Amino acid sequence: MLIPVPPGKDGLQEQRDIAAILEQADERIRAYQPVLDALADLKRALMHDLLTGKVRVNHAIDQILSLEAS
């Protein structure tokens, strides 16, 4: 399989620059992963509470509206 590479003698440096940018993006993704995992756990718990009737939707909406009013 052919992989295109930047042409010319600056091609190697351009590849390194691209690799550095991609590594920075990967670092940011890794940094946010624990937050995403925690939010997924919270969503799962909230959905469980709502679907089992432990929390009533109307009561939750009333609480949100009262917080916004204050």
Protein backbone atom coordinates (compact mmCIF):
# COMPACT_ATOMS: atom_id res chain seq x y z
CA MET A 1 0.00 0.00 0.00
CA LEU A 2 1.38 3.37 -0.96
CA ILE A 3 1.33 6.11 1.65
CA PRO A 4 1.70 9.69 0.42
CA VAL A 5 4.46 11.71 2.06
CA PRO A 6 5.21 15.43 1.81
CA PRO A 7 7.62 16.10 -1.07
CA GLY A 8 11.03 17.75 -1.00
CA LYS A 9 13.79 17.96 1.57
CA ASP A 10 11.41 19.63 4.07
CA GLY A 11 9.09 16.65 3.82
CA LEU A 12 10.58 14.89 6.84
CA GLN A 13 10.20 17.99 8.99
CA GLU A 14 6.61 18.39 7.84
CA GLN A 15 5.95 14.78 8.85
CA ARG A 16 7.42 15.49 12.29
CA ASP A 17 5.27 18.62 12.63
CA ILE A 18 2.15 16.66 11.71
CA ALA A 19 3.09 13.89 14.17
CA ALA A 20 3.59 16.49 16.94
CA ILE A 21 0.16 18.02 16.28
CA LEU A 22 -1.47 14.58 16.34
CA GLU A 23 0.31 13.70 19.59
CA GLN A 24 -1.01 16.89 21.21
CA ALA A 25 -4.52 15.98 20.12
CA ASP A 26 -4.09 12.47 21.57
CA GLU A 27 -2.90 13.98 24.87
CA ARG A 28 -5.98 16.16 25.10
CA ILE A 29 -8.23 13.16 24.40
CA ARG A 30 -6.44 11.15 27.12
CA ALA A 31 -6.82 14.06 29.56
CA TYR A 32 -10.58 14.27 28.99
CA GLN A 33 -11.22 10.52 29.10
CA PRO A 34 -11.72 10.33 32.91
CA VAL A 35 -14.24 13.18 32.69
CA LEU A 36 -16.11 11.43 29.87
CA ASP A 37 -16.11 8.18 31.84
CA ALA A 38 -17.48 9.94 34.94
CA LEU A 39 -20.22 11.62 32.91
CA ALA A 40 -21.17 8.30 31.31
CA ASP A 41 -21.42 6.71 34.78
CA LEU A 42 -23.57 9.60 35.99
CA LYS A 43 -25.86 9.32 32.98
CA ARG A 44 -26.19 5.59 33.51
CA ALA A 45 -27.10 6.11 37.19
CA LEU A 46 -29.61 8.85 36.38
CA MET A 47 -31.23 6.76 33.67
CA HIS A 48 -31.51 3.85 36.08
CA ASP A 49 -33.16 6.06 38.70
CA LEU A 50 -35.61 7.46 36.15
CA LEU A 51 -36.48 4.13 34.54
CA THR A 52 -37.01 2.35 37.88
CA GLY A 53 -39.21 5.17 39.18
CA LYS A 54 -36.82 6.06 41.99
CA VAL A 55 -36.88 9.66 40.74
CA ARG A 56 -39.99 11.21 39.27
CA VAL A 57 -39.45 13.31 36.16
CA ASN A 58 -41.94 16.02 37.17
CA HIS A 59 -40.23 16.41 40.56
CA ALA A 60 -36.83 16.73 38.88
CA ILE A 61 -38.15 19.37 36.45
CA ASP A 62 -39.62 21.34 39.37
CA GLN A 63 -36.24 21.28 41.13
CA ILE A 64 -34.42 22.51 38.02
CA LEU A 65 -36.92 25.32 37.49
CA SER A 66 -36.67 26.43 41.12
CA LEU A 67 -32.86 26.53 40.85
CA GLU A 68 -33.05 28.63 37.69
CA ALA A 69 -35.46 31.08 39.34
CA SER A 70 -33.09 31.76 42.22
